[in-house]
Amino acid sequence: MTRSPFAAVVALVALLASCAQLRGTSGSNWETLIDGEAGLDNWNRVGDANWRVESGAIVADRGKPGFLVSKASYQDFEIRAEFYAEPDTNSGVYLRCADAKKIANDSCYEANIWDTRPDPKYGTGALVNLVEVAVPLVNTAGGKWNTYEITARGQQLTVRLNGVQTASAQDGKHAAGPFALQYGAGANGAQGGPIKWRKVQIRRL
């Protein structure tokens, strides 16, 4: 039996609508913590960084180091974060932190953002003290907007910077906890460059 052109068009429209609905359903699992408009209500502050909302982003650029720490704890998850850094910016995404009031790379995993880190093997794209990156750095963040995609599923940790996988590891030291965004000091305690977070989303796996 031959289907009319009109019937074929109707079927195609129905199929596209179904696909769009499925995409919407899968996207609904994402929790948006920074979107360029919301303030700092989704975060606890640790330290004295001058976090503020500015030009559609959460920004810190002077003062003492500090963190924005998620109010919720996460075990298996995926993070998507859009950020701007300068080459001398010292920042990072800290994962599965054991103590929400004391953020450090020995009590959390840290996906680093720091192009000019004095020890470059744990510079931008590395998991500090766990997975090194090639030196000199191939994937840098300074002077542009970037996207981090970070996945923690069981003991598997994966970091992607601007679509390129920069670190992958199997490690069971930290099983669950909040995550944190850093504004840190520069080399030798000097003033580091600014960090701007334009969009940060997380979904549980």
N, C-alpha and C. Protein backbone atom coordinates (compact mmCIF):
# COMPACT_ATOMS: atom_id res chain seq x y z
N MET A 1 0.85 -1.18 0.00
CA MET A 1 0.00 0.00 0.00
C MET A 1 0.90 1.24 0.00
N THR A 2 0.59 2.24 -0.85
CA THR A 2 1.38 3.45 -0.97
C THR A 2 0.87 4.51 -0.01
N ARG A 3 1.78 5.09 0.80
CA ARG A 3 1.40 6.12 1.75
C ARG A 3 1.41 7.46 1.03
N SER A 4 0.39 8.29 1.31
CA SER A 4 0.32 9.61 0.68
C SER A 4 1.41 10.52 1.23
N PRO A 5 1.84 11.51 0.43
CA PRO A 5 2.84 12.47 0.92
C PRO A 5 2.40 13.17 2.19
N PHE A 6 1.10 13.47 2.30
CA PHE A 6 0.60 14.16 3.50
C PHE A 6 0.76 13.27 4.73
N ALA A 7 0.44 11.99 4.57
CA ALA A 7 0.58 11.07 5.71
C ALA A 7 2.03 10.93 6.13
N ALA A 8 2.95 10.93 5.17
CA ALA A 8 4.37 10.83 5.49
C ALA A 8 4.84 12.05 6.28
N VAL A 9 4.33 13.23 5.86
CA VAL A 9 4.70 14.45 6.58
C VAL A 9 4.18 14.42 8.00
N VAL A 10 2.95 13.97 8.20
CA VAL A 10 2.36 13.88 9.54
C VAL A 10 3.18 12.94 10.41
N ALA A 11 3.59 11.80 9.83
CA ALA A 11 4.37 10.83 10.59
C ALA A 11 5.72 11.41 10.99
N LEU A 12 6.34 12.17 10.08
CA LEU A 12 7.63 12.77 10.38
C LEU A 12 7.51 13.81 11.49
N VAL A 13 6.48 14.63 11.44
CA VAL A 13 6.25 15.64 12.48
C VAL A 13 6.05 14.97 13.83
N ALA A 14 5.29 13.88 13.85
CA ALA A 14 5.06 13.17 15.11
C ALA A 14 6.35 12.58 15.66
N LEU A 15 7.19 12.06 14.76
CA LEU A 15 8.47 11.50 15.20
C LEU A 15 9.37 12.57 15.79
N LEU A 16 9.45 13.73 15.14
CA LEU A 16 10.28 14.82 15.64
C LEU A 16 9.77 15.32 16.99
N ALA A 17 8.48 15.41 17.13
CA ALA A 17 7.91 15.84 18.42
C ALA A 17 8.25 14.87 19.53
N SER A 18 8.20 13.57 19.19
CA SER A 18 8.54 12.54 20.17
C SER A 18 9.99 12.65 20.60
N CYS A 19 10.89 12.87 19.62
CA CYS A 19 12.31 13.02 19.94
C CYS A 19 12.56 14.23 20.81
N ALA A 20 11.86 15.34 20.50
CA ALA A 20 12.02 16.55 21.29
C ALA A 20 11.57 16.32 22.72
N GLN A 21 10.48 15.56 22.88
CA GLN A 21 9.99 15.26 24.22
C GLN A 21 11.00 14.44 25.00
N LEU A 22 11.62 13.47 24.32
CA LEU A 22 12.62 12.64 24.98
C LEU A 22 13.82 13.47 25.40
N ARG A 23 14.25 14.40 24.53
CA ARG A 23 15.38 15.26 24.88
C ARG A 23 15.04 16.12 26.08
N GLY A 24 13.82 16.62 26.14
CA GLY A 24 13.41 17.43 27.27
C GLY A 24 13.39 16.64 28.56
N THR A 25 12.95 15.39 28.48
CA THR A 25 12.91 14.55 29.66
C THR A 25 14.31 14.28 30.18
N SER A 26 15.25 13.93 29.27
CA SER A 26 16.61 13.64 29.71
C SER A 26 17.27 14.87 30.29
N GLY A 27 16.96 16.06 29.74
CA GLY A 27 17.56 17.28 30.24
C GLY A 27 17.03 17.71 31.59
N SER A 28 15.85 17.20 31.98
CA SER A 28 15.23 17.64 33.22
C SER A 28 15.99 17.17 34.45
N ASN A 29 16.93 16.25 34.30
CA ASN A 29 17.69 15.78 35.45
C ASN A 29 18.78 16.74 35.87
N TRP A 30 19.07 17.73 35.06
CA TRP A 30 20.14 18.67 35.39
C TRP A 30 19.66 19.68 36.42
N GLU A 31 20.48 19.91 37.44
CA GLU A 31 20.23 20.93 38.45
C GLU A 31 21.15 22.11 38.14
N THR A 32 20.56 23.28 37.90
CA THR A 32 21.35 24.46 37.56
C THR A 32 21.63 25.26 38.82
N LEU A 33 22.91 25.42 39.14
CA LEU A 33 23.32 26.15 40.34
C LEU A 33 23.83 27.55 40.03
N ILE A 34 24.32 27.76 38.82
CA ILE A 34 24.69 29.09 38.33
C ILE A 34 24.18 29.21 36.91
N ASP A 35 23.47 30.29 36.60
CA ASP A 35 22.93 30.46 35.26
C ASP A 35 23.07 31.88 34.74
N GLY A 36 23.86 32.70 35.40
CA GLY A 36 24.03 34.08 34.96
C GLY A 36 23.03 35.04 35.56
N GLU A 37 21.99 34.53 36.19
CA GLU A 37 20.98 35.38 36.79
C GLU A 37 20.82 35.11 38.28
N ALA A 38 20.82 33.83 38.66
CA ALA A 38 20.67 33.49 40.07
C ALA A 38 21.87 34.00 40.85
N GLY A 39 21.63 34.34 42.10
CA GLY A 39 22.71 34.83 42.95
C GLY A 39 23.48 33.68 43.57
N LEU A 40 23.83 33.84 44.83
CA LEU A 40 24.67 32.87 45.52
C LEU A 40 23.88 32.01 46.50
N ASP A 41 22.56 31.95 46.34
CA ASP A 41 21.73 31.22 47.29
C ASP A 41 21.99 29.72 47.28
N ASN A 42 22.51 29.19 46.18
CA ASN A 42 22.75 27.74 46.09
C ASN A 42 24.07 27.31 46.72
N TRP A 43 24.80 28.26 47.31
CA TRP A 43 26.16 27.98 47.75
C TRP A 43 26.41 28.43 49.17
N ASN A 44 27.31 27.72 49.84
CA ASN A 44 27.90 28.19 51.08
C ASN A 44 29.29 28.74 50.78
N ARG A 45 29.65 29.82 51.45
CA ARG A 45 30.98 30.41 51.25
C ARG A 45 31.95 29.88 52.30
N VAL A 46 33.13 29.52 51.83
CA VAL A 46 34.23 29.16 52.71
C VAL A 46 35.41 30.03 52.32
N GLY A 47 36.02 30.72 53.28
CA GLY A 47 37.10 31.65 52.96
C GLY A 47 36.57 33.04 52.69
N ASP A 48 37.44 33.91 52.20
CA ASP A 48 37.13 35.33 52.11
C ASP A 48 37.18 35.90 50.71
N ALA A 49 37.03 35.09 49.68
CA ALA A 49 37.03 35.62 48.32
C ALA A 49 35.84 36.55 48.11
N ASN A 50 35.97 37.52 47.21
CA ASN A 50 34.93 38.53 47.00
C ASN A 50 33.92 38.09 45.94
N TRP A 51 33.30 36.94 46.16
CA TRP A 51 32.30 36.42 45.21
C TRP A 51 31.16 37.41 45.06
N ARG A 52 30.72 37.59 43.80
CA ARG A 52 29.61 38.49 43.53
C ARG A 52 29.03 38.17 42.15
N VAL A 53 27.84 38.68 41.88
CA VAL A 53 27.22 38.56 40.56
C VAL A 53 27.62 39.78 39.75
N GLU A 54 28.16 39.52 38.55
CA GLU A 54 28.61 40.63 37.71
C GLU A 54 28.55 40.22 36.24
N SER A 55 27.84 41.00 35.43
CA SER A 55 27.77 40.79 33.97
C SER A 55 27.39 39.36 33.61
N GLY A 56 26.40 38.82 34.29
CA GLY A 56 25.89 37.50 33.96
C GLY A 56 26.73 36.34 34.44
N ALA A 57 27.61 36.57 35.40
CA ALA A 57 28.47 35.50 35.92
C ALA A 57 28.71 35.70 37.41
N ILE A 58 29.15 34.64 38.08
CA ILE A 58 29.63 34.72 39.45
C ILE A 58 31.14 34.93 39.37
N VAL A 59 31.63 35.99 39.99
CA VAL A 59 33.02 36.43 39.79
C VAL A 59 33.73 36.55 41.14
N ALA A 60 35.02 36.20 41.14
CA ALA A 60 35.93 36.55 42.23
C ALA A 60 37.24 36.98 41.61
N ASP A 61 37.82 38.09 42.12
CA ASP A 61 39.03 38.59 41.48
C ASP A 61 40.01 39.28 42.42
N ARG A 62 39.73 39.29 43.71
CA ARG A 62 40.70 39.88 44.63
C ARG A 62 40.38 39.43 46.05
N GLY A 63 41.28 39.76 46.95
CA GLY A 63 41.10 39.35 48.34
C GLY A 63 41.71 38.00 48.60
N LYS A 64 41.40 37.46 49.75
CA LYS A 64 41.95 36.17 50.14
C LYS A 64 41.26 35.04 49.39
N PRO A 65 41.92 33.88 49.30
CA PRO A 65 41.30 32.74 48.62
C PRO A 65 40.00 32.31 49.28
N GLY A 66 39.17 31.64 48.50
CA GLY A 66 37.90 31.16 49.05
C GLY A 66 37.21 30.23 48.08
N PHE A 67 36.10 29.68 48.54
CA PHE A 67 35.36 28.68 47.77
C PHE A 67 33.86 28.95 47.85
N LEU A 68 33.16 28.54 46.80
CA LEU A 68 31.72 28.35 46.83
C LEU A 68 31.48 26.86 46.93
N VAL A 69 30.77 26.42 47.97
CA VAL A 69 30.58 25.00 48.25
C VAL A 69 29.10 24.66 48.09
N SER A 70 28.81 23.63 47.32
CA SER A 70 27.41 23.24 47.10
C SER A 70 26.76 22.85 48.43
N LYS A 71 25.50 23.19 48.57
CA LYS A 71 24.79 22.85 49.81
C LYS A 71 24.44 21.37 49.88
N ALA A 72 24.33 20.73 48.73
CA ALA A 72 24.01 19.30 48.68
C ALA A 72 25.27 18.47 48.53
N SER A 73 25.16 17.20 48.91
CA SER A 73 26.25 16.24 48.74
C SER A 73 25.91 15.34 47.55
N TYR A 74 26.95 14.90 46.83
CA TYR A 74 26.74 14.09 45.63
C TYR A 74 27.70 12.90 45.65
N GLN A 75 27.22 11.78 45.10
CA GLN A 75 28.04 10.57 45.02
C GLN A 75 28.47 10.32 43.59
N ASP A 76 27.57 9.90 42.74
CA ASP A 76 27.84 9.73 41.31
C ASP A 76 27.14 10.86 40.56
N PHE A 77 27.87 11.54 39.69
CA PHE A 77 27.30 12.74 39.09
C PHE A 77 28.10 13.14 37.85
N GLU A 78 27.51 14.07 37.11
CA GLU A 78 28.18 14.74 36.00
C GLU A 78 28.02 16.24 36.19
N ILE A 79 29.10 16.98 36.01
CA ILE A 79 29.09 18.43 36.12
C ILE A 79 29.38 19.04 34.76
N ARG A 80 28.64 20.09 34.40
CA ARG A 80 28.97 20.92 33.25
C ARG A 80 29.16 22.34 33.76
N ALA A 81 30.33 22.92 33.52
CA ALA A 81 30.64 24.24 34.04
C ALA A 81 31.28 25.10 32.96
N GLU A 82 30.75 26.30 32.77
CA GLU A 82 31.32 27.26 31.84
C GLU A 82 32.04 28.33 32.65
N PHE A 83 33.32 28.56 32.34
CA PHE A 83 34.11 29.49 33.14
C PHE A 83 35.07 30.28 32.27
N TYR A 84 35.47 31.43 32.80
CA TYR A 84 36.49 32.27 32.18
C TYR A 84 37.64 32.40 33.17
N ALA A 85 38.87 32.26 32.66
CA ALA A 85 40.06 32.39 33.48
C ALA A 85 41.14 33.13 32.70
N GLU A 86 42.08 33.70 33.42
CA GLU A 86 43.30 34.23 32.83
C GLU A 86 44.41 33.19 33.02
N PRO A 87 45.53 33.31 32.30
CA PRO A 87 46.60 32.33 32.47
C PRO A 87 47.09 32.19 33.92
N ASP A 88 47.06 33.29 34.69
CA ASP A 88 47.54 33.22 36.07
C ASP A 88 46.42 33.00 37.08
N THR A 89 45.20 32.71 36.59
CA THR A 89 44.10 32.37 37.50
C THR A 89 44.37 31.02 38.15
N ASN A 90 44.20 30.97 39.46
CA ASN A 90 44.29 29.72 40.21
C ASN A 90 42.88 29.36 40.68
N SER A 91 42.31 28.36 40.04
CA SER A 91 40.95 27.95 40.37
C SER A 91 40.84 26.45 40.16
N GLY A 92 39.65 25.93 40.33
CA GLY A 92 39.43 24.51 40.12
C GLY A 92 38.05 24.11 40.59
N VAL A 93 37.68 22.88 40.26
CA VAL A 93 36.44 22.28 40.72
C VAL A 93 36.82 21.14 41.65
N TYR A 94 36.41 21.24 42.91
CA TYR A 94 36.73 20.24 43.93
C TYR A 94 35.54 19.30 44.07
N LEU A 95 35.80 18.01 44.11
CA LEU A 95 34.76 16.99 44.02
C LEU A 95 34.76 16.08 45.25
N ARG A 96 33.56 15.67 45.65
CA ARG A 96 33.39 14.69 46.74
C ARG A 96 34.19 15.07 47.99
N CYS A 97 34.01 16.30 48.42
CA CYS A 97 34.80 16.82 49.54
C CYS A 97 34.36 16.18 50.86
N ALA A 98 35.33 15.75 51.64
CA ALA A 98 35.04 15.07 52.91
C ALA A 98 34.54 16.03 53.97
N ASP A 99 34.96 17.29 53.93
CA ASP A 99 34.58 18.29 54.93
C ASP A 99 34.16 19.55 54.20
N ALA A 100 32.88 19.89 54.30
CA ALA A 100 32.34 21.04 53.57
C ALA A 100 32.89 22.37 54.06
N LYS A 101 33.54 22.38 55.21
CA LYS A 101 34.08 23.63 55.76
C LYS A 101 35.59 23.74 55.59
N LYS A 102 36.20 22.69 55.07
CA LYS A 102 37.65 22.70 54.88
C LYS A 102 37.95 22.05 53.54
N ILE A 103 38.04 22.87 52.49
CA ILE A 103 38.23 22.38 51.13
C ILE A 103 39.72 22.34 50.82
N ALA A 104 40.20 21.17 50.44
CA ALA A 104 41.62 21.01 50.10
C ALA A 104 41.76 19.83 49.15
N ASN A 105 42.89 19.80 48.38
CA ASN A 105 43.02 18.71 47.41
C ASN A 105 43.47 17.41 48.03
N ASP A 106 43.65 17.36 49.36
CA ASP A 106 43.88 16.07 50.00
C ASP A 106 42.60 15.50 50.63
N SER A 107 41.54 16.31 50.67
CA SER A 107 40.26 15.83 51.18
C SER A 107 39.16 15.86 50.12
N CYS A 108 39.51 16.24 48.90
CA CYS A 108 38.61 16.25 47.75
C CYS A 108 39.45 15.83 46.54
N TYR A 109 38.78 15.52 45.44
CA TYR A 109 39.45 15.49 44.14
C TYR A 109 39.38 16.91 43.58
N GLU A 110 40.45 17.33 42.89
CA GLU A 110 40.45 18.66 42.28
C GLU A 110 40.74 18.58 40.79
N ALA A 111 39.77 19.02 39.98
CA ALA A 111 40.01 19.24 38.55
C ALA A 111 40.53 20.66 38.42
N ASN A 112 41.81 20.80 38.09
CA ASN A 112 42.49 22.08 38.24
C ASN A 112 42.26 23.03 37.07
N ILE A 113 42.34 24.33 37.39
CA ILE A 113 42.36 25.42 36.41
C ILE A 113 43.51 26.33 36.81
N TRP A 114 44.64 26.21 36.13
CA TRP A 114 45.79 27.05 36.46
C TRP A 114 46.87 26.82 35.41
N ASP A 115 46.87 27.65 34.38
CA ASP A 115 47.81 27.47 33.27
C ASP A 115 49.26 27.67 33.69
N THR A 116 49.50 28.55 34.67
CA THR A 116 50.87 28.88 35.06
C THR A 116 51.21 28.31 36.43
N ARG A 117 50.64 27.19 36.78
CA ARG A 117 50.94 26.56 38.07
C ARG A 117 52.44 26.27 38.17
N PRO A 118 53.07 26.59 39.31
CA PRO A 118 54.51 26.35 39.44
C PRO A 118 54.92 24.92 39.15
N ASP A 119 54.10 23.94 39.56
CA ASP A 119 54.33 22.54 39.18
C ASP A 119 53.37 22.23 38.04
N PRO A 120 53.78 22.42 36.79
CA PRO A 120 52.84 22.39 35.67
C PRO A 120 52.19 21.04 35.40
N LYS A 121 52.76 19.97 35.90
CA LYS A 121 52.17 18.66 35.58
C LYS A 121 50.78 18.49 36.19
N TYR A 122 50.44 19.30 37.18
CA TYR A 122 49.08 19.31 37.73
C TYR A 122 48.39 20.63 37.40
N GLY A 123 48.68 21.18 36.25
CA GLY A 123 48.04 22.41 35.80
C GLY A 123 46.64 22.16 35.25
N THR A 124 46.17 23.06 34.43
CA THR A 124 44.81 23.00 33.90
C THR A 124 44.52 21.64 33.26
N GLY A 125 43.39 21.05 33.63
CA GLY A 125 42.97 19.77 33.08
C GLY A 125 43.38 18.57 33.90
N ALA A 126 44.29 18.74 34.86
CA ALA A 126 44.76 17.63 35.68
C ALA A 126 43.82 17.36 36.85
N LEU A 127 43.90 16.15 37.40
CA LEU A 127 43.34 15.84 38.70
C LEU A 127 44.51 15.90 39.68
N VAL A 128 44.52 16.91 40.51
CA VAL A 128 45.70 17.21 41.32
C VAL A 128 46.07 16.03 42.21
N ASN A 129 47.36 15.69 42.17
CA ASN A 129 47.94 14.58 42.94
C ASN A 129 47.42 13.21 42.51
N LEU A 130 46.73 13.17 41.36
CA LEU A 130 46.19 11.89 40.90
C LEU A 130 46.50 11.64 39.43
N VAL A 131 46.20 12.58 38.56
CA VAL A 131 46.45 12.43 37.12
C VAL A 131 47.16 13.67 36.60
N GLU A 132 48.35 13.47 36.04
CA GLU A 132 49.13 14.57 35.48
C GLU A 132 48.68 14.86 34.05
N VAL A 133 49.05 16.06 33.58
CA VAL A 133 48.86 16.41 32.18
C VAL A 133 50.23 16.60 31.54
N ALA A 134 50.24 16.57 30.21
CA ALA A 134 51.52 16.74 29.50
C ALA A 134 52.07 18.14 29.71
N VAL A 135 53.39 18.23 29.79
CA VAL A 135 54.08 19.50 29.96
C VAL A 135 55.01 19.70 28.76
N PRO A 136 54.98 20.90 28.10
CA PRO A 136 54.13 22.05 28.40
C PRO A 136 52.65 21.76 28.11
N LEU A 137 51.79 22.55 28.76
CA LEU A 137 50.35 22.32 28.64
C LEU A 137 49.88 22.42 27.20
N VAL A 138 49.09 21.46 26.80
CA VAL A 138 48.48 21.47 25.47
C VAL A 138 47.11 22.12 25.53
N ASN A 139 46.35 21.84 26.58
CA ASN A 139 45.00 22.36 26.74
C ASN A 139 45.01 23.42 27.85
N THR A 140 44.86 24.67 27.45
CA THR A 140 44.90 25.78 28.39
C THR A 140 43.55 26.48 28.45
N ALA A 141 43.37 27.29 29.51
CA ALA A 141 42.09 27.96 29.73
C ALA A 141 42.19 29.47 29.68
N GLY A 142 43.39 30.02 29.78
CA GLY A 142 43.56 31.45 29.96
C GLY A 142 43.08 32.30 28.79
N GLY A 143 42.36 33.38 29.12
CA GLY A 143 41.97 34.38 28.14
C GLY A 143 40.73 34.06 27.34
N LYS A 144 39.93 33.05 27.76
CA LYS A 144 38.74 32.70 26.99
C LYS A 144 37.73 31.98 27.88
N TRP A 145 36.52 31.86 27.35
CA TRP A 145 35.50 31.04 28.01
C TRP A 145 35.75 29.57 27.69
N ASN A 146 35.54 28.74 28.67
CA ASN A 146 35.82 27.30 28.57
C ASN A 146 34.66 26.50 29.14
N THR A 147 34.66 25.22 28.81
CA THR A 147 33.67 24.30 29.38
C THR A 147 34.38 23.11 30.00
N TYR A 148 34.07 22.85 31.25
CA TYR A 148 34.50 21.64 31.93
C TYR A 148 33.33 20.66 31.96
N GLU A 149 33.60 19.41 31.63
CA GLU A 149 32.65 18.32 31.81
C GLU A 149 33.35 17.28 32.68
N ILE A 150 32.83 17.08 33.87
CA ILE A 150 33.48 16.22 34.85
C ILE A 150 32.49 15.15 35.28
N THR A 151 32.92 13.89 35.22
CA THR A 151 32.06 12.77 35.59
C THR A 151 32.71 11.96 36.69
N ALA A 152 31.91 11.64 37.71
CA ALA A 152 32.34 10.74 38.78
C ALA A 152 31.29 9.64 38.88
N ARG A 153 31.69 8.43 38.55
CA ARG A 153 30.77 7.28 38.61
C ARG A 153 31.51 6.14 39.30
N GLY A 154 31.14 5.87 40.54
CA GLY A 154 31.89 4.88 41.30
C GLY A 154 33.32 5.37 41.48
N GLN A 155 34.28 4.53 41.14
CA GLN A 155 35.68 4.91 41.25
C GLN A 155 36.23 5.57 39.99
N GLN A 156 35.41 5.67 38.94
CA GLN A 156 35.87 6.24 37.68
C GLN A 156 35.66 7.76 37.68
N LEU A 157 36.74 8.48 37.44
CA LEU A 157 36.70 9.94 37.33
C LEU A 157 37.20 10.35 35.95
N THR A 158 36.47 11.25 35.30
CA THR A 158 36.85 11.70 33.96
C THR A 158 36.69 13.22 33.88
N VAL A 159 37.69 13.87 33.29
CA VAL A 159 37.66 15.32 33.11
C VAL A 159 37.82 15.63 31.63
N ARG A 160 36.94 16.47 31.11
CA ARG A 160 37.02 16.94 29.73
C ARG A 160 37.01 18.46 29.74
N LEU A 161 37.99 19.07 29.04
CA LEU A 161 38.09 20.51 28.90
C LEU A 161 37.84 20.87 27.44
N ASN A 162 36.80 21.64 27.21
CA ASN A 162 36.45 22.06 25.85
C ASN A 162 36.35 20.87 24.90
N GLY A 163 35.75 19.79 25.40
CA GLY A 163 35.50 18.60 24.59
C GLY A 163 36.65 17.63 24.50
N VAL A 164 37.80 17.93 25.10
CA VAL A 164 38.98 17.07 25.04
C VAL A 164 39.20 16.42 26.40
N GLN A 165 39.31 15.10 26.43
CA GLN A 165 39.58 14.43 27.70
C GLN A 165 41.00 14.73 28.15
N THR A 166 41.12 15.28 29.36
CA THR A 166 42.43 15.64 29.89
C THR A 166 42.86 14.76 31.06
N ALA A 167 41.92 14.05 31.69
CA ALA A 167 42.27 13.20 32.82
C ALA A 167 41.24 12.09 32.97
N SER A 168 41.71 10.91 33.32
CA SER A 168 40.85 9.77 33.60
C SER A 168 41.54 8.91 34.64
N ALA A 169 40.80 8.50 35.66
CA ALA A 169 41.43 7.74 36.74
C ALA A 169 40.41 6.83 37.41
N GLN A 170 40.93 5.78 38.01
CA GLN A 170 40.17 4.91 38.90
C GLN A 170 40.71 5.15 40.31
N ASP A 171 39.86 5.64 41.21
CA ASP A 171 40.30 5.91 42.56
C ASP A 171 39.10 5.87 43.51
N GLY A 172 39.28 5.27 44.66
CA GLY A 172 38.17 5.12 45.60
C GLY A 172 38.36 5.86 46.90
N LYS A 173 39.28 6.84 46.91
CA LYS A 173 39.57 7.53 48.18
C LYS A 173 38.39 8.33 48.68
N HIS A 174 37.70 9.03 47.80
CA HIS A 174 36.58 9.90 48.20
C HIS A 174 35.31 9.39 47.50
N ALA A 175 34.32 9.01 48.28
CA ALA A 175 33.13 8.37 47.72
C ALA A 175 31.97 9.33 47.50
N ALA A 176 31.86 10.36 48.30
CA ALA A 176 30.72 11.27 48.19
C ALA A 176 31.03 12.55 48.95
N GLY A 177 30.27 13.60 48.65
CA GLY A 177 30.43 14.87 49.34
C GLY A 177 30.02 16.01 48.45
N PRO A 178 30.00 17.23 48.99
CA PRO A 178 29.70 18.40 48.17
C PRO A 178 30.83 18.67 47.17
N PHE A 179 30.55 19.54 46.20
CA PHE A 179 31.62 20.00 45.32
C PHE A 179 31.79 21.50 45.51
N ALA A 180 32.94 22.02 45.09
CA ALA A 180 33.26 23.42 45.37
C ALA A 180 33.97 24.06 44.19
N LEU A 181 33.79 25.37 44.06
CA LEU A 181 34.43 26.20 43.05
C LEU A 181 35.43 27.10 43.76
N GLN A 182 36.63 27.20 43.22
CA GLN A 182 37.73 27.87 43.91
C GLN A 182 38.10 29.22 43.31
N TYR A 183 38.47 30.15 44.17
CA TYR A 183 39.28 31.31 43.79
C TYR A 183 40.53 31.24 44.65
N GLY A 184 41.69 31.06 44.04
CA GLY A 184 42.92 30.86 44.80
C GLY A 184 43.95 31.94 44.55
N ALA A 185 44.99 31.91 45.38
CA ALA A 185 46.10 32.84 45.22
C ALA A 185 46.96 32.42 44.04
N GLY A 186 47.72 33.37 43.50
CA GLY A 186 48.64 33.07 42.42
C GLY A 186 49.92 32.46 42.93
N ALA A 187 50.90 32.35 42.07
CA ALA A 187 52.18 31.75 42.44
C ALA A 187 52.83 32.53 43.57
N ASN A 188 53.39 31.80 44.53
CA ASN A 188 54.09 32.39 45.69
C ASN A 188 53.21 33.34 46.48
N GLY A 189 51.91 33.08 46.48
CA GLY A 189 50.98 33.89 47.27
C GLY A 189 50.59 35.21 46.65
N ALA A 190 51.05 35.49 45.44
CA ALA A 190 50.71 36.75 44.78
C ALA A 190 49.24 36.75 44.37
N GLN A 191 48.74 37.93 44.02
CA GLN A 191 47.36 38.05 43.55
C GLN A 191 47.19 37.28 42.24
N GLY A 192 46.25 36.36 42.19
CA GLY A 192 45.99 35.61 40.97
C GLY A 192 44.98 36.32 40.09
N GLY A 193 44.79 35.80 38.88
CA GLY A 193 43.81 36.36 37.97
C GLY A 193 42.40 36.03 38.38
N PRO A 194 41.40 36.64 37.74
CA PRO A 194 40.00 36.43 38.10
C PRO A 194 39.49 35.08 37.62
N ILE A 195 38.41 34.63 38.26
CA ILE A 195 37.66 33.47 37.79
C ILE A 195 36.20 33.90 37.66
N LYS A 196 35.56 33.50 36.56
CA LYS A 196 34.16 33.82 36.32
C LYS A 196 33.44 32.52 35.96
N TRP A 197 32.34 32.26 36.64
CA TRP A 197 31.51 31.08 36.37
C TRP A 197 30.20 31.55 35.76
N ARG A 198 29.97 31.21 34.50
CA ARG A 198 28.79 31.67 33.78
C ARG A 198 27.62 30.70 33.91
N LYS A 199 27.92 29.41 33.93
CA LYS A 199 26.88 28.40 34.07
C LYS A 199 27.48 27.16 34.72
N VAL A 200 26.81 26.67 35.74
CA VAL A 200 27.24 25.44 36.42
C VAL A 200 26.01 24.57 36.65
N GLN A 201 26.07 23.35 36.13
CA GLN A 201 24.98 22.39 36.27
C GLN A 201 25.53 21.06 36.75
N ILE A 202 24.68 20.31 37.48
CA ILE A 202 25.07 18.99 37.94
C ILE A 202 23.85 18.07 37.85
N ARG A 203 24.09 16.80 37.53
CA ARG A 203 23.02 15.81 37.59
C ARG A 203 23.56 14.55 38.23
N ARG A 204 22.72 13.92 39.01
CA ARG A 204 23.09 12.67 39.66
C ARG A 204 22.98 11.54 38.66
N LEU A 205 23.89 10.59 38.77
CA LEU A 205 23.91 9.42 37.88
C LEU A 205 23.49 8.16 38.64
